[in-house]
C-alpha atoms as a PDB file:
ATOM      1  CA  MET A   1     160.900 104.713 193.324  1.00  0.00           C
ATOM      2  CA  SER A   2     161.293 104.916 189.592  1.00  0.00           C
ATOM      3  CA  ARG A   3     159.507 107.650 187.757  1.00  0.00           C
ATOM      4  CA  ALA A   4     157.158 106.726 184.987  1.00  0.00           C
ATOM      5  CA  PRO A   5     158.109 108.130 181.708  1.00  0.00           C
ATOM      6  CA  ALA A   6     156.124 111.137 180.784  1.00  0.00           C
ATOM      7  CA  ASP A   7     153.428 110.625 178.143  1.00  0.00           C
ATOM      8  CA  HIS A   8     154.406 112.575 175.096  1.00  0.00           C
ATOM      9  CA  PRO A   9     151.545 113.046 172.675  1.00  0.00           C
ATOM     10  CA  HIS A  10     152.167 111.901 169.102  1.00  0.00           C
ATOM     11  CA  PRO A  11     152.759 114.758 166.755  1.00  0.00           C
ATOM     12  CA  PRO A  12     149.877 115.347 164.366  1.00  0.00           C
ATOM     13  CA  THR A  13     150.110 113.516 161.055  1.00  0.00           C
ATOM     14  CA  GLN A  14     151.063 115.818 158.243  1.00  0.00           C
ATOM     15  CA  ILE A  15     148.510 115.255 155.476  1.00  0.00           C
ATOM     16  CA  ALA A  16     149.573 116.635 152.186  1.00  0.00           C
ATOM     17  CA  PRO A  17     146.912 118.801 150.628  1.00  0.00           C
ATOM     18  CA  VAL A  18     145.225 117.295 147.564  1.00  0.00           C
ATOM     19  CA  GLN A  19     146.191 119.123 144.481  1.00  0.00           C
ATOM     20  CA  ILE A  20     143.048 119.564 142.406  1.00  0.00           C
ATOM     21  CA  ALA A  21     143.667 120.562 138.871  1.00  0.00           C
ATOM     22  CA  PRO A  22     141.711 123.620 137.959  1.00  0.00           C
ATOM     23  CA  ALA A  23     138.715 122.858 135.746  1.00  0.00           C
ATOM     24  CA  GLN A  24     139.092 123.646 132.157  1.00  0.00           C
ATOM     25  CA  ILE A  25     136.471 126.288 132.000  1.00  0.00           C
ATOM     26  CA  ALA A  26     135.607 127.406 128.533  1.00  0.00           C
ATOM     27  CA  PRO A  27     135.748 131.085 127.882  1.00  0.00           C
ATOM     28  CA  ALA A  28     132.494 132.922 128.331  1.00  0.00           C
ATOM     29  CA  GLN A  29     132.247 133.676 124.693  1.00  0.00           C
ATOM     30  CA  ILE A  30     131.883 129.966 123.723  1.00  0.00           C
ATOM     31  CA  ALA A  31     128.306 129.671 125.046  1.00  0.00           C
ATOM     32  CA  PRO A  32     126.928 132.539 122.940  1.00  0.00           C
ATOM     33  CA  ALA A  33     128.783 131.180 119.916  1.00  0.00           C
ATOM     34  CA  ARG A  34     127.209 127.754 120.414  1.00  0.00           C
ATOM     35  CA  ILE A  35     123.770 129.277 120.820  1.00  0.00           C
ATOM     36  CA  ALA A  36     124.255 131.302 117.660  1.00  0.00           C
ATOM     37  CA  GLU A  37     125.306 128.147 115.798  1.00  0.00           C
ATOM     38  CA  VAL A  38     122.210 126.253 116.949  1.00  0.00           C
ATOM     39  CA  LEU A  39     119.931 129.130 116.044  1.00  0.00           C
ATOM     40  CA  SER A  40     121.555 129.390 112.645  1.00  0.00           C
ATOM     41  CA  ALA A  41     121.046 125.652 112.039  1.00  0.00           C
ATOM     42  CA  GLU A  42     117.402 125.966 113.064  1.00  0.00           C
ATOM     43  CA  ARG A  43     116.896 128.892 110.696  1.00  0.00           C
ATOM     44  CA  ARG A  44     118.481 126.917 107.861  1.00  0.00           C
ATOM     45  CA  GLY A  45     116.242 123.950 108.673  1.00  0.00           C
ATOM     46  CA  ARG A  46     113.145 126.151 108.665  1.00  0.00           C
ATOM     47  CA  ARG A  47     114.135 127.739 105.371  1.00  0.00           C
ATOM     48  CA  ARG A  48     114.755 124.307 103.839  1.00  0.00           C
ATOM     49  CA  LEU A  49     111.383 123.087 105.098  1.00  0.00           C
ATOM     50  CA  MET A  50     109.631 126.177 103.741  1.00  0.00           C
ATOM     51  CA  VAL A  51     111.291 125.682 100.358  1.00  0.00           C
ATOM     52  CA  GLN A  52     110.214 122.026 100.263  1.00  0.00           C
ATOM     53  CA  VAL A  53     106.656 122.855 101.319  1.00  0.00           C
ATOM     54  CA  GLY A  54     106.534 125.642  98.745  1.00  0.00           C
ATOM     55  CA  ALA A  55     107.729 123.273  96.016  1.00  0.00           C
ATOM     56  CA  VAL A  56     105.095 120.679  96.940  1.00  0.00           C
ATOM     57  CA  LEU A  57     102.334 123.299  97.046  1.00  0.00           C
ATOM     58  CA  THR A  58     103.458 124.647  93.669  1.00  0.00           C
ATOM     59  CA  ILE A  59     103.320 121.176  92.122  1.00  0.00           C
ATOM     60  CA  VAL A  60      99.883 120.530  93.653  1.00  0.00           C
ATOM     61  CA  ALA A  61      98.568 123.878  92.415  1.00  0.00           C
ATOM     62  CA  ALA A  62      99.924 123.191  88.935  1.00  0.00           C
ATOM     63  CA  CYS A  63      98.229 119.789  88.884  1.00  0.00           C
ATOM     64  CA  LEU A  64      94.950 121.307  90.067  1.00  0.00           C
ATOM     65  CA  TRP A  65      95.156 123.932  87.341  1.00  0.00           C
ATOM     66  CA  VAL A  66      96.057 121.448  84.580  1.00  0.00           C
ATOM     67  CA  THR A  67      93.217 119.096  85.527  1.00  0.00           C
ATOM     68  CA  GLY A  68      90.665 121.900  85.645  1.00  0.00           C
ATOM     69  CA  MET A  69      90.035 121.822  89.377  1.00  0.00           C
ATOM     70  CA  LEU A  70      90.648 125.570  89.557  1.00  0.00           C
ATOM     71  CA  ASP A  71      88.137 126.288  86.797  1.00  0.00           C
ATOM     72  CA  GLY A  72      85.426 127.773  88.989  1.00  0.00           C
ATOM     73  CA  ALA A  73      83.054 128.529  86.120  1.00  0.00           C
ATOM     74  CA  ARG A  74      83.105 124.953  84.885  1.00  0.00           C
ATOM     75  CA  LEU A  75      82.577 123.589  88.382  1.00  0.00           C
ATOM     76  CA  ALA A  76      79.723 126.027  88.958  1.00  0.00           C
ATOM     77  CA  GLU A  77      78.038 124.773  85.791  1.00  0.00           C
ATOM     78  CA  GLY A  78      78.541 121.123  86.752  1.00  0.00           C
ATOM     79  CA  LEU A  79      77.248 121.273  90.315  1.00  0.00           C
ATOM     80  CA  PRO A  80      73.596 121.854  89.315  1.00  0.00           C
ATOM     81  CA  ALA A  81      73.817 118.889  86.933  1.00  0.00           C
ATOM     82  CA  ILE A  82      75.094 116.708  89.761  1.00  0.00           C
ATOM     83  CA  GLY A  83      72.218 117.900  91.910  1.00  0.00           C
ATOM     84  CA  VAL A  84      69.734 116.987  89.164  1.00  0.00           C
ATOM     85  CA  LEU A  85      71.310 113.532  88.810  1.00  0.00           C
ATOM     86  CA  ILE A  86      71.093 112.905  92.554  1.00  0.00           C
ATOM     87  CA  ALA A  87      67.473 114.064  92.547  1.00  0.00           C
ATOM     88  CA  GLU A  88      66.685 111.548  89.786  1.00  0.00           C
ATOM     89  CA  MET A  89      68.121 108.755  91.948  1.00  0.00           C
ATOM     90  CA  VAL A  90      65.656 109.441  94.753  1.00  0.00           C
ATOM     91  CA  PRO A  91      63.911 107.305  95.821  1.00  0.00           C
ATOM     92  CA  PRO A  92      66.012 104.184  95.107  1.00  0.00           C
ATOM     93  CA  ASP A  93      64.200 101.401  93.285  1.00  0.00           C
ATOM     94  CA  PHE A  94      64.690  97.986  94.943  1.00  0.00           C
ATOM     95  CA  ALA A  95      62.057  96.234  92.810  1.00  0.00           C
ATOM     96  CA  ARG A  96      64.669  93.902  91.230  1.00  0.00           C
ATOM     97  CA  TRP A  97      66.625  93.131  94.406  1.00  0.00           C
ATOM     98  CA  ARG A  98      66.181  89.377  93.963  1.00  0.00           C
ATOM     99  CA  ALA A  99      68.002  89.568  90.631  1.00  0.00           C
ATOM    100  CA  TRP A 100      70.975  91.149  92.364  1.00  0.00           C
ATOM    101  CA  VAL A 101      71.575  88.385  94.898  1.00  0.00           C
ATOM    102  CA  SER A 102      73.341  86.043  92.486  1.00  0.00           C
ATOM    103  CA  PRO A 103      75.612  88.770  90.978  1.00  0.00           C
ATOM    104  CA  MET A 104      76.518  89.935  94.492  1.00  0.00           C
ATOM    105  CA  VAL A 105      77.475  86.382  95.451  1.00  0.00           C
ATOM    106  CA  GLU A 106      79.577  86.228  92.270  1.00  0.00           C
ATOM    107  CA  THR A 107      81.298  89.468  93.269  1.00  0.00           C
ATOM    108  CA  LEU A 108      82.079  88.103  96.719  1.00  0.00           C
ATOM    109  CA  ALA A 109      83.343  84.839  95.226  1.00  0.00           C
ATOM    110  CA  MET A 110      85.599  86.715  92.810  1.00  0.00           C
ATOM    111  CA  SER A 111      87.125  88.742  95.639  1.00  0.00           C
ATOM    112  CA  VAL A 112      87.827  85.648  97.751  1.00  0.00           C
ATOM    113  CA  ALA A 113      89.208  83.601  94.843  1.00  0.00           C
ATOM    114  CA  GLY A 114      91.318  86.498  93.567  1.00  0.00           C
ATOM    115  CA  THR A 115      92.784  87.098  97.030  1.00  0.00           C
ATOM    116  CA  ALA A 116      93.561  83.399  97.464  1.00  0.00           C
ATOM    117  CA  LEU A 117      95.274  83.340  94.066  1.00  0.00           C
ATOM    118  CA  ALA A 118      97.308  86.384  95.068  1.00  0.00           C
ATOM    119  CA  ILE A 119      98.475  84.796  98.321  1.00  0.00           C
ATOM    120  CA  VAL A 120      99.550  81.581  96.576  1.00  0.00           C
ATOM    121  CA  PHE A 121     101.864  83.459  94.224  1.00  0.00           C
ATOM    122  CA  SER A 122     102.862  86.272  96.586  1.00  0.00           C
ATOM    123  CA  VAL A 123     104.405  84.157  99.351  1.00  0.00           C
ATOM    124  CA  PRO A 124     107.174  82.505  97.272  1.00  0.00           C
ATOM    125  CA  LEU A 125     107.826  85.722  95.345  1.00  0.00           C
ATOM    126  CA  ALA A 126     108.071  87.656  98.609  1.00  0.00           C
ATOM    127  CA  PHE A 127     110.765  85.363  99.999  1.00  0.00           C
ATOM    128  CA  LEU A 128     112.695  85.750  96.745  1.00  0.00           C
ATOM    129  CA  ALA A 129     112.214  89.535  96.804  1.00  0.00           C
ATOM    130  CA  ALA A 130     113.395  89.959 100.425  1.00  0.00           C
ATOM    131  CA  ARG A 131     117.109  90.634 100.916  1.00  0.00           C
ATOM    132  CA  ASN A 132     117.449  88.424 103.980  1.00  0.00           C
ATOM    133  CA  THR A 133     115.855  85.330 102.425  1.00  0.00           C
ATOM    134  CA  THR A 134     116.619  85.527  98.714  1.00  0.00           C
ATOM    135  CA  PRO A 135     119.206  82.960  97.528  1.00  0.00           C
ATOM    136  CA  ASN A 136     121.124  85.403  95.312  1.00  0.00           C
ATOM    137  CA  LEU A 137     121.007  88.827  93.700  1.00  0.00           C
ATOM    138  CA  VAL A 138     119.654  87.510  90.389  1.00  0.00           C
ATOM    139  CA  ALA A 139     116.620  85.947  92.090  1.00  0.00           C
ATOM    140  CA  TYR A 140     116.090  89.142  94.078  1.00  0.00           C
ATOM    141  CA  GLN A 141     116.101  91.378  91.014  1.00  0.00           C
ATOM    142  CA  ALA A 142     113.923  88.987  89.006  1.00  0.00           C
ATOM    143  CA  ALA A 143     111.314  88.737  91.777  1.00  0.00           C
ATOM    144  CA  ARG A 144     111.259  92.521  92.207  1.00  0.00           C
ATOM    145  CA  LEU A 145     110.811  92.956  88.454  1.00  0.00           C
ATOM    146  CA  VAL A 146     107.857  90.560  88.392  1.00  0.00           C
ATOM    147  CA  LEU A 147     106.188  92.325  91.324  1.00  0.00           C
ATOM    148  CA  ASN A 148     106.701  95.732  89.714  1.00  0.00           C
ATOM    149  CA  ALA A 149     105.307  94.536  86.399  1.00  0.00           C
ATOM    150  CA  LEU A 150     102.167  93.031  87.920  1.00  0.00           C
ATOM    151  CA  ARG A 151     101.619  96.087  90.098  1.00  0.00           C
ATOM    152  CA  SER A 152     101.968  98.528  87.208  1.00  0.00           C
ATOM    153  CA  ILE A 153      99.051  97.127  85.159  1.00  0.00           C
ATOM    154  CA  PRO A 154      95.629  98.202  86.495  1.00  0.00           C
ATOM    155  CA  GLU A 155      93.205  95.399  87.244  1.00  0.00           C
ATOM    156  CA  LEU A 156      90.662  96.906  84.838  1.00  0.00           C
ATOM    157  CA  ILE A 157      93.127  96.593  81.941  1.00  0.00           C
ATOM    158  CA  MET A 158      93.932  93.052  83.042  1.00  0.00           C
ATOM    159  CA  GLY A 159      90.207  92.325  83.117  1.00  0.00           C
ATOM    160  CA  ILE A 160      89.822  93.474  79.508  1.00  0.00           C
ATOM    161  CA  ILE A 161      92.806  91.353  78.454  1.00  0.00           C
ATOM    162  CA  PHE A 162      91.541  88.217  80.211  1.00  0.00           C
ATOM    163  CA  VAL A 163      87.989  88.705  78.897  1.00  0.00           C
ATOM    164  CA  ALA A 164      89.464  88.720  75.399  1.00  0.00           C
ATOM    165  CA  ALA A 165      91.565  85.656  76.261  1.00  0.00           C
ATOM    166  CA  VAL A 166      89.153  83.357  78.152  1.00  0.00           C
ATOM    167  CA  GLY A 167      85.746  84.909  77.463  1.00  0.00           C
ATOM    168  CA  PHE A 168      83.097  86.478  79.678  1.00  0.00           C
ATOM    169  CA  GLY A 169      82.317  85.383  83.222  1.00  0.00           C
ATOM    170  CA  MET A 170      83.950  85.357  86.623  1.00  0.00           C
ATOM    171  CA  LEU A 171      87.180  83.632  85.523  1.00  0.00           C
ATOM    172  CA  PRO A 172      88.739  86.706  83.865  1.00  0.00           C
ATOM    173  CA  GLY A 173      87.754  88.758  86.907  1.00  0.00           C
ATOM    174  CA  VAL A 174      89.479  86.344  89.271  1.00  0.00           C
ATOM    175  CA  LEU A 175      92.626  86.264  87.122  1.00  0.00           C
ATOM    176  CA  ALA A 176      92.742  90.056  86.856  1.00  0.00           C
ATOM    177  CA  LEU A 177      92.206  90.640  90.565  1.00  0.00           C
ATOM    178  CA  GLY A 178      94.591  87.869  91.596  1.00  0.00           C
ATOM    179  CA  LEU A 179      97.519  88.744  89.356  1.00  0.00           C
ATOM    180  CA  HIS A 180      97.259  92.472  89.986  1.00  0.00           C
ATOM    181  CA  SER A 181      97.130  91.796  93.724  1.00  0.00           C
ATOM    182  CA  VAL A 182     100.313  89.716  93.541  1.00  0.00           C
ATOM    183  CA  GLY A 183     102.308  92.848  92.748  1.00  0.00           C
ATOM    184  CA  MET A 184     101.117  94.744  95.810  1.00  0.00           C
ATOM    185  CA  VAL A 185     100.707  91.864  98.274  1.00  0.00           C
ATOM    186  CA  GLY A 186     104.103  90.418  97.358  1.00  0.00           C
ATOM    187  CA  LYS A 187     105.739  93.810  97.942  1.00  0.00           C
ATOM    188  CA  PHE A 188     104.174  94.144 101.407  1.00  0.00           C
ATOM    189  CA  PHE A 189     105.091  90.554 102.269  1.00  0.00           C
ATOM    190  CA  ALA A 190     108.709  91.129 101.203  1.00  0.00           C
ATOM    191  CA  GLU A 191     108.966  94.263 103.347  1.00  0.00           C
ATOM    192  CA  ALA A 192     107.574  92.375 106.352  1.00  0.00           C
ATOM    193  CA  ILE A 193     110.156  89.624 105.824  1.00  0.00           C
ATOM    194  CA  GLU A 194     113.004  92.137 105.578  1.00  0.00           C
ATOM    195  CA  HIS A 195     111.949  93.657 108.919  1.00  0.00           C
ATOM    196  CA  ALA A 196     112.012  90.297 110.715  1.00  0.00           C
ATOM    197  CA  HIS A 197     114.440  90.042 113.657  1.00  0.00           C
ATOM    198  CA  ASN A 198     117.694  88.237 112.925  1.00  0.00           C
ATOM    199  CA  ALA A 199     117.953  86.462 116.305  1.00  0.00           C
ATOM    200  CA  PRO A 200     115.463  83.625 115.584  1.00  0.00           C
ATOM    201  CA  ILE A 201     116.908  83.235 112.095  1.00  0.00           C
ATOM    202  CA  GLU A 202     120.471  82.985 113.406  1.00  0.00           C
ATOM    203  CA  ALA A 203     119.375  80.562 116.120  1.00  0.00           C
ATOM    204  CA  ALA A 204     117.762  78.274 113.552  1.00  0.00           C
ATOM    205  CA  GLU A 205     120.856  78.434 111.349  1.00  0.00           C
ATOM    206  CA  ALA A 206     123.120  77.700 114.324  1.00  0.00           C
ATOM    207  CA  ALA A 207     121.030  74.616 115.095  1.00  0.00           C
ATOM    208  CA  GLY A 208     121.783  73.288 111.607  1.00  0.00           C
ATOM    209  CA  ALA A 209     118.350  73.956 110.102  1.00  0.00           C
ATOM    210  CA  THR A 210     117.896  73.919 106.355  1.00  0.00           C
ATOM    211  CA  ARG A 211     116.824  77.037 104.460  1.00  0.00           C
ATOM    212  CA  LEU A 212     113.221  75.839 104.404  1.00  0.00           C
ATOM    213  CA  GLN A 213     113.305  75.125 108.133  1.00  0.00           C
ATOM    214  CA  VAL A 214     114.807  78.563 108.811  1.00  0.00           C
ATOM    215  CA  ILE A 215     111.941  80.166 106.905  1.00  0.00           C
ATOM    216  CA  THR A 216     109.336  77.971 108.580  1.00  0.00           C
ATOM    217  CA  HIS A 217     110.581  78.341 112.161  1.00  0.00           C
ATOM    218  CA  GLY A 218     112.607  81.554 112.117  1.00  0.00           C
ATOM    219  CA  VAL A 219     110.735  83.874 109.752  1.00  0.00           C
ATOM    220  CA  MET A 220     107.105  82.799 109.412  1.00  0.00           C
ATOM    221  CA  PRO A 221     106.182  83.048 113.133  1.00  0.00           C
ATOM    222  CA  GLN A 222     107.367  86.671 113.070  1.00  0.00           C
ATOM    223  CA  VAL A 223     105.688  87.799 109.864  1.00  0.00           C
ATOM    224  CA  PHE A 224     102.451  85.805 109.996  1.00  0.00           C
ATOM    225  CA  PRO A 225     100.439  88.582 111.739  1.00  0.00           C
ATOM    226  CA  GLN A 226     101.577  91.084 109.104  1.00  0.00           C
ATOM    227  CA  PHE A 227     100.705  88.589 106.364  1.00  0.00           C
ATOM    228  CA  ALA A 228      97.220  88.205 107.828  1.00  0.00           C
ATOM    229  CA  ASP A 229      96.699  91.980 108.015  1.00  0.00           C
ATOM    230  CA  VAL A 230      97.777  92.517 104.418  1.00  0.00           C
ATOM    231  CA  THR A 231      95.573  89.635 103.264  1.00  0.00           C
ATOM    232  CA  MET A 232      92.498  91.056 104.966  1.00  0.00           C
ATOM    233  CA  TYR A 233      93.106  94.548 103.624  1.00  0.00           C
ATOM    234  CA  ARG A 234      93.621  93.186 100.143  1.00  0.00           C
ATOM    235  CA  TRP A 235      90.416  91.172 100.348  1.00  0.00           C
ATOM    236  CA  GLU A 236      88.521  94.367 101.189  1.00  0.00           C
ATOM    237  CA  TYR A 237      90.127  96.099  98.216  1.00  0.00           C
ATOM    238  CA  ASN A 238      89.446  93.184  95.876  1.00  0.00           C
ATOM    239  CA  PHE A 239      85.784  93.163  96.837  1.00  0.00           C
ATOM    240  CA  ARG A 240      85.479  96.822  95.884  1.00  0.00           C
ATOM    241  CA  ALA A 241      87.467  96.262  92.700  1.00  0.00           C
ATOM    242  CA  SER A 242      85.375  93.219  91.750  1.00  0.00           C
ATOM    243  CA  THR A 243      82.304  95.463  91.498  1.00  0.00           C
ATOM    244  CA  VAL A 244      84.091  97.215  88.628  1.00  0.00           C
ATOM    245  CA  MET A 245      85.074  93.981  86.889  1.00  0.00           C
ATOM    246  CA  GLY A 246      81.482  93.533  85.732  1.00  0.00           C
ATOM    247  CA  MET A 247      81.822  96.681  83.642  1.00  0.00           C
ATOM    248  CA  VAL A 248      84.244  94.874  81.317  1.00  0.00           C
ATOM    249  CA  GLY A 249      82.227  91.661  81.157  1.00  0.00           C
ATOM    250  CA  ALA A 250      83.802  89.811  84.072  1.00  0.00           C
ATOM    251  CA  GLY A 251      80.506  89.138  85.867  1.00  0.00           C
ATOM    252  CA  GLY A 252      79.322  90.253  89.266  1.00  0.00           C
ATOM    253  CA  ILE A 253      77.132  93.104  90.390  1.00  0.00           C
ATOM    254  CA  GLY A 254      79.019  95.469  88.092  1.00  0.00           C
ATOM    255  CA  THR A 255      77.160  93.976  85.139  1.00  0.00           C
ATOM    256  CA  GLU A 256      73.817  94.973  86.680  1.00  0.00           C
ATOM    257  CA  LEU A 257      75.170  98.426  87.474  1.00  0.00           C
ATOM    258  CA  VAL A 258      76.346  99.031  83.898  1.00  0.00           C
ATOM    259  CA  GLY A 259      73.039  97.775  82.531  1.00  0.00           C
ATOM    260  CA  SER A 260      71.086 100.213  84.695  1.00  0.00           C
ATOM    261  CA  LEU A 261      73.368 103.085  83.713  1.00  0.00           C
ATOM    262  CA  ARG A 262      72.903 102.354  80.030  1.00  0.00           C
ATOM    263  CA  LEU A 263      69.114 102.400  80.499  1.00  0.00           C
ATOM    264  CA  LEU A 264      69.391 105.670  82.454  1.00  0.00           C
ATOM    265  CA  ASP A 265      67.478 103.975  85.251  1.00  0.00           C
ATOM    266  CA  TYR A 266      68.967 106.126  87.993  1.00  0.00           C
ATOM    267  CA  PRO A 267      66.666 104.963  90.826  1.00  0.00           C
ATOM    268  CA  GLN A 268      67.858 101.414  90.191  1.00  0.00           C
ATOM    269  CA  VAL A 269      71.463 102.637  90.006  1.00  0.00           C
ATOM    270  CA  ALA A 270      71.041 104.222  93.437  1.00  0.00           C
ATOM    271  CA  ALA A 271      69.594 100.992  94.810  1.00  0.00           C
ATOM    272  CA  ILE A 272      72.497  98.929  93.467  1.00  0.00           C
ATOM    273  CA  LEU A 273      75.001 101.402  94.929  1.00  0.00           C
ATOM    274  CA  LEU A 274      73.292 101.143  98.320  1.00  0.00           C
ATOM    275  CA  VAL A 275      73.428  97.350  98.149  1.00  0.00           C
ATOM    276  CA  ILE A 276      77.143  97.546  97.331  1.00  0.00           C
ATOM    277  CA  LEU A 277      77.671  99.969 100.227  1.00  0.00           C
ATOM    278  CA  VAL A 278      75.939  97.657 102.704  1.00  0.00           C
ATOM    279  CA  THR A 279      77.889  94.639 101.453  1.00  0.00           C
ATOM    280  CA  VAL A 280      81.204  96.505 101.640  1.00  0.00           C
ATOM    281  CA  THR A 281      80.392  97.504 105.225  1.00  0.00           C
ATOM    282  CA  VAL A 282      79.699  93.869 106.127  1.00  0.00           C
ATOM    283  CA  VAL A 283      82.932  92.740 104.451  1.00  0.00           C
ATOM    284  CA  ASP A 284      84.902  95.399 106.347  1.00  0.00           C
ATOM    285  CA  ALA A 285      83.397  94.312 109.660  1.00  0.00           C
ATOM    286  CA  LEU A 286      84.141  90.649 108.924  1.00  0.00           C
ATOM    287  CA  SER A 287      87.679  91.554 107.910  1.00  0.00           C
ATOM    288  CA  ASN A 288      88.232  93.398 111.193  1.00  0.00           C
ATOM    289  CA  VAL A 289      87.009  90.371 113.146  1.00  0.00           C
ATOM    290  CA  LEU A 290      89.331  88.034 111.258  1.00  0.00           C
ATOM    291  CA  ARG A 291      92.220  90.452 111.681  1.00  0.00           C
ATOM    292  CA  GLN A 292      91.752  90.444 115.432  1.00  0.00           C
ATOM    293  CA  ARG A 293      91.714  86.646 115.477  1.00  0.00           C
ATOM    294  CA  PHE A 294      95.078  86.420 113.727  1.00  0.00           C
ATOM    295  CA  LYS A 295      96.870  88.839 116.092  1.00  0.00           C
END
């Protein structure tokens, strides 16, 4: 009878130990050094901020002193006079309110027409003044120069110029409000265009669209809500500014206000100011409604 070979267990597998490289541990003194560096940078930042704030406060204080705002004696003398003037305005006199309806309508019409005129000229100038839509550097610089020039002349000065050019009435008021608004509205429109996303623009260009089609389909859908917001805000501003246009002969409720001031009819002045306040509130509410519709 043959003998079965004895079962010899397999020797255990010799697994080589994994050699783990020791971690490169920074010396203990690096952490305090880093903390000291951060704290030093923070101290420098605080000192820089304090210097900047101090410079701004110094400039503001100098301006207040130069303009007389820090003249306490003069202000103390003027406050009683203001109180007397306010007392003379009470109670407001609305006896001539029917005569103010037509000038108020003229003021509203001037604000709407001036804003419309501004939009007509601002849109093409904005596309020329935006870096991503202007055809060349010359057009960009020329458009920026025009916007800066129109924005630098106050609408009241423009009103005086246009009254001398085309005579009294609402027309000089509309021209002054419209052209002055072009400078500001065009600047805001150009900034909105420059912040438009490039993806829709590149997609339109890749599809072989013309420059006009790129603007129509790639840019305008993005910037239209911003255009609507700026238009509504500018209409609100133009309505307030149109009340001043009457002071230079451009028609509107400002003419009635100046007439009452010249007659020293302060109760009527107070009534006209209240009418303007109510109308401005209505215009603001209507502007907010329209702004929500365009979002």
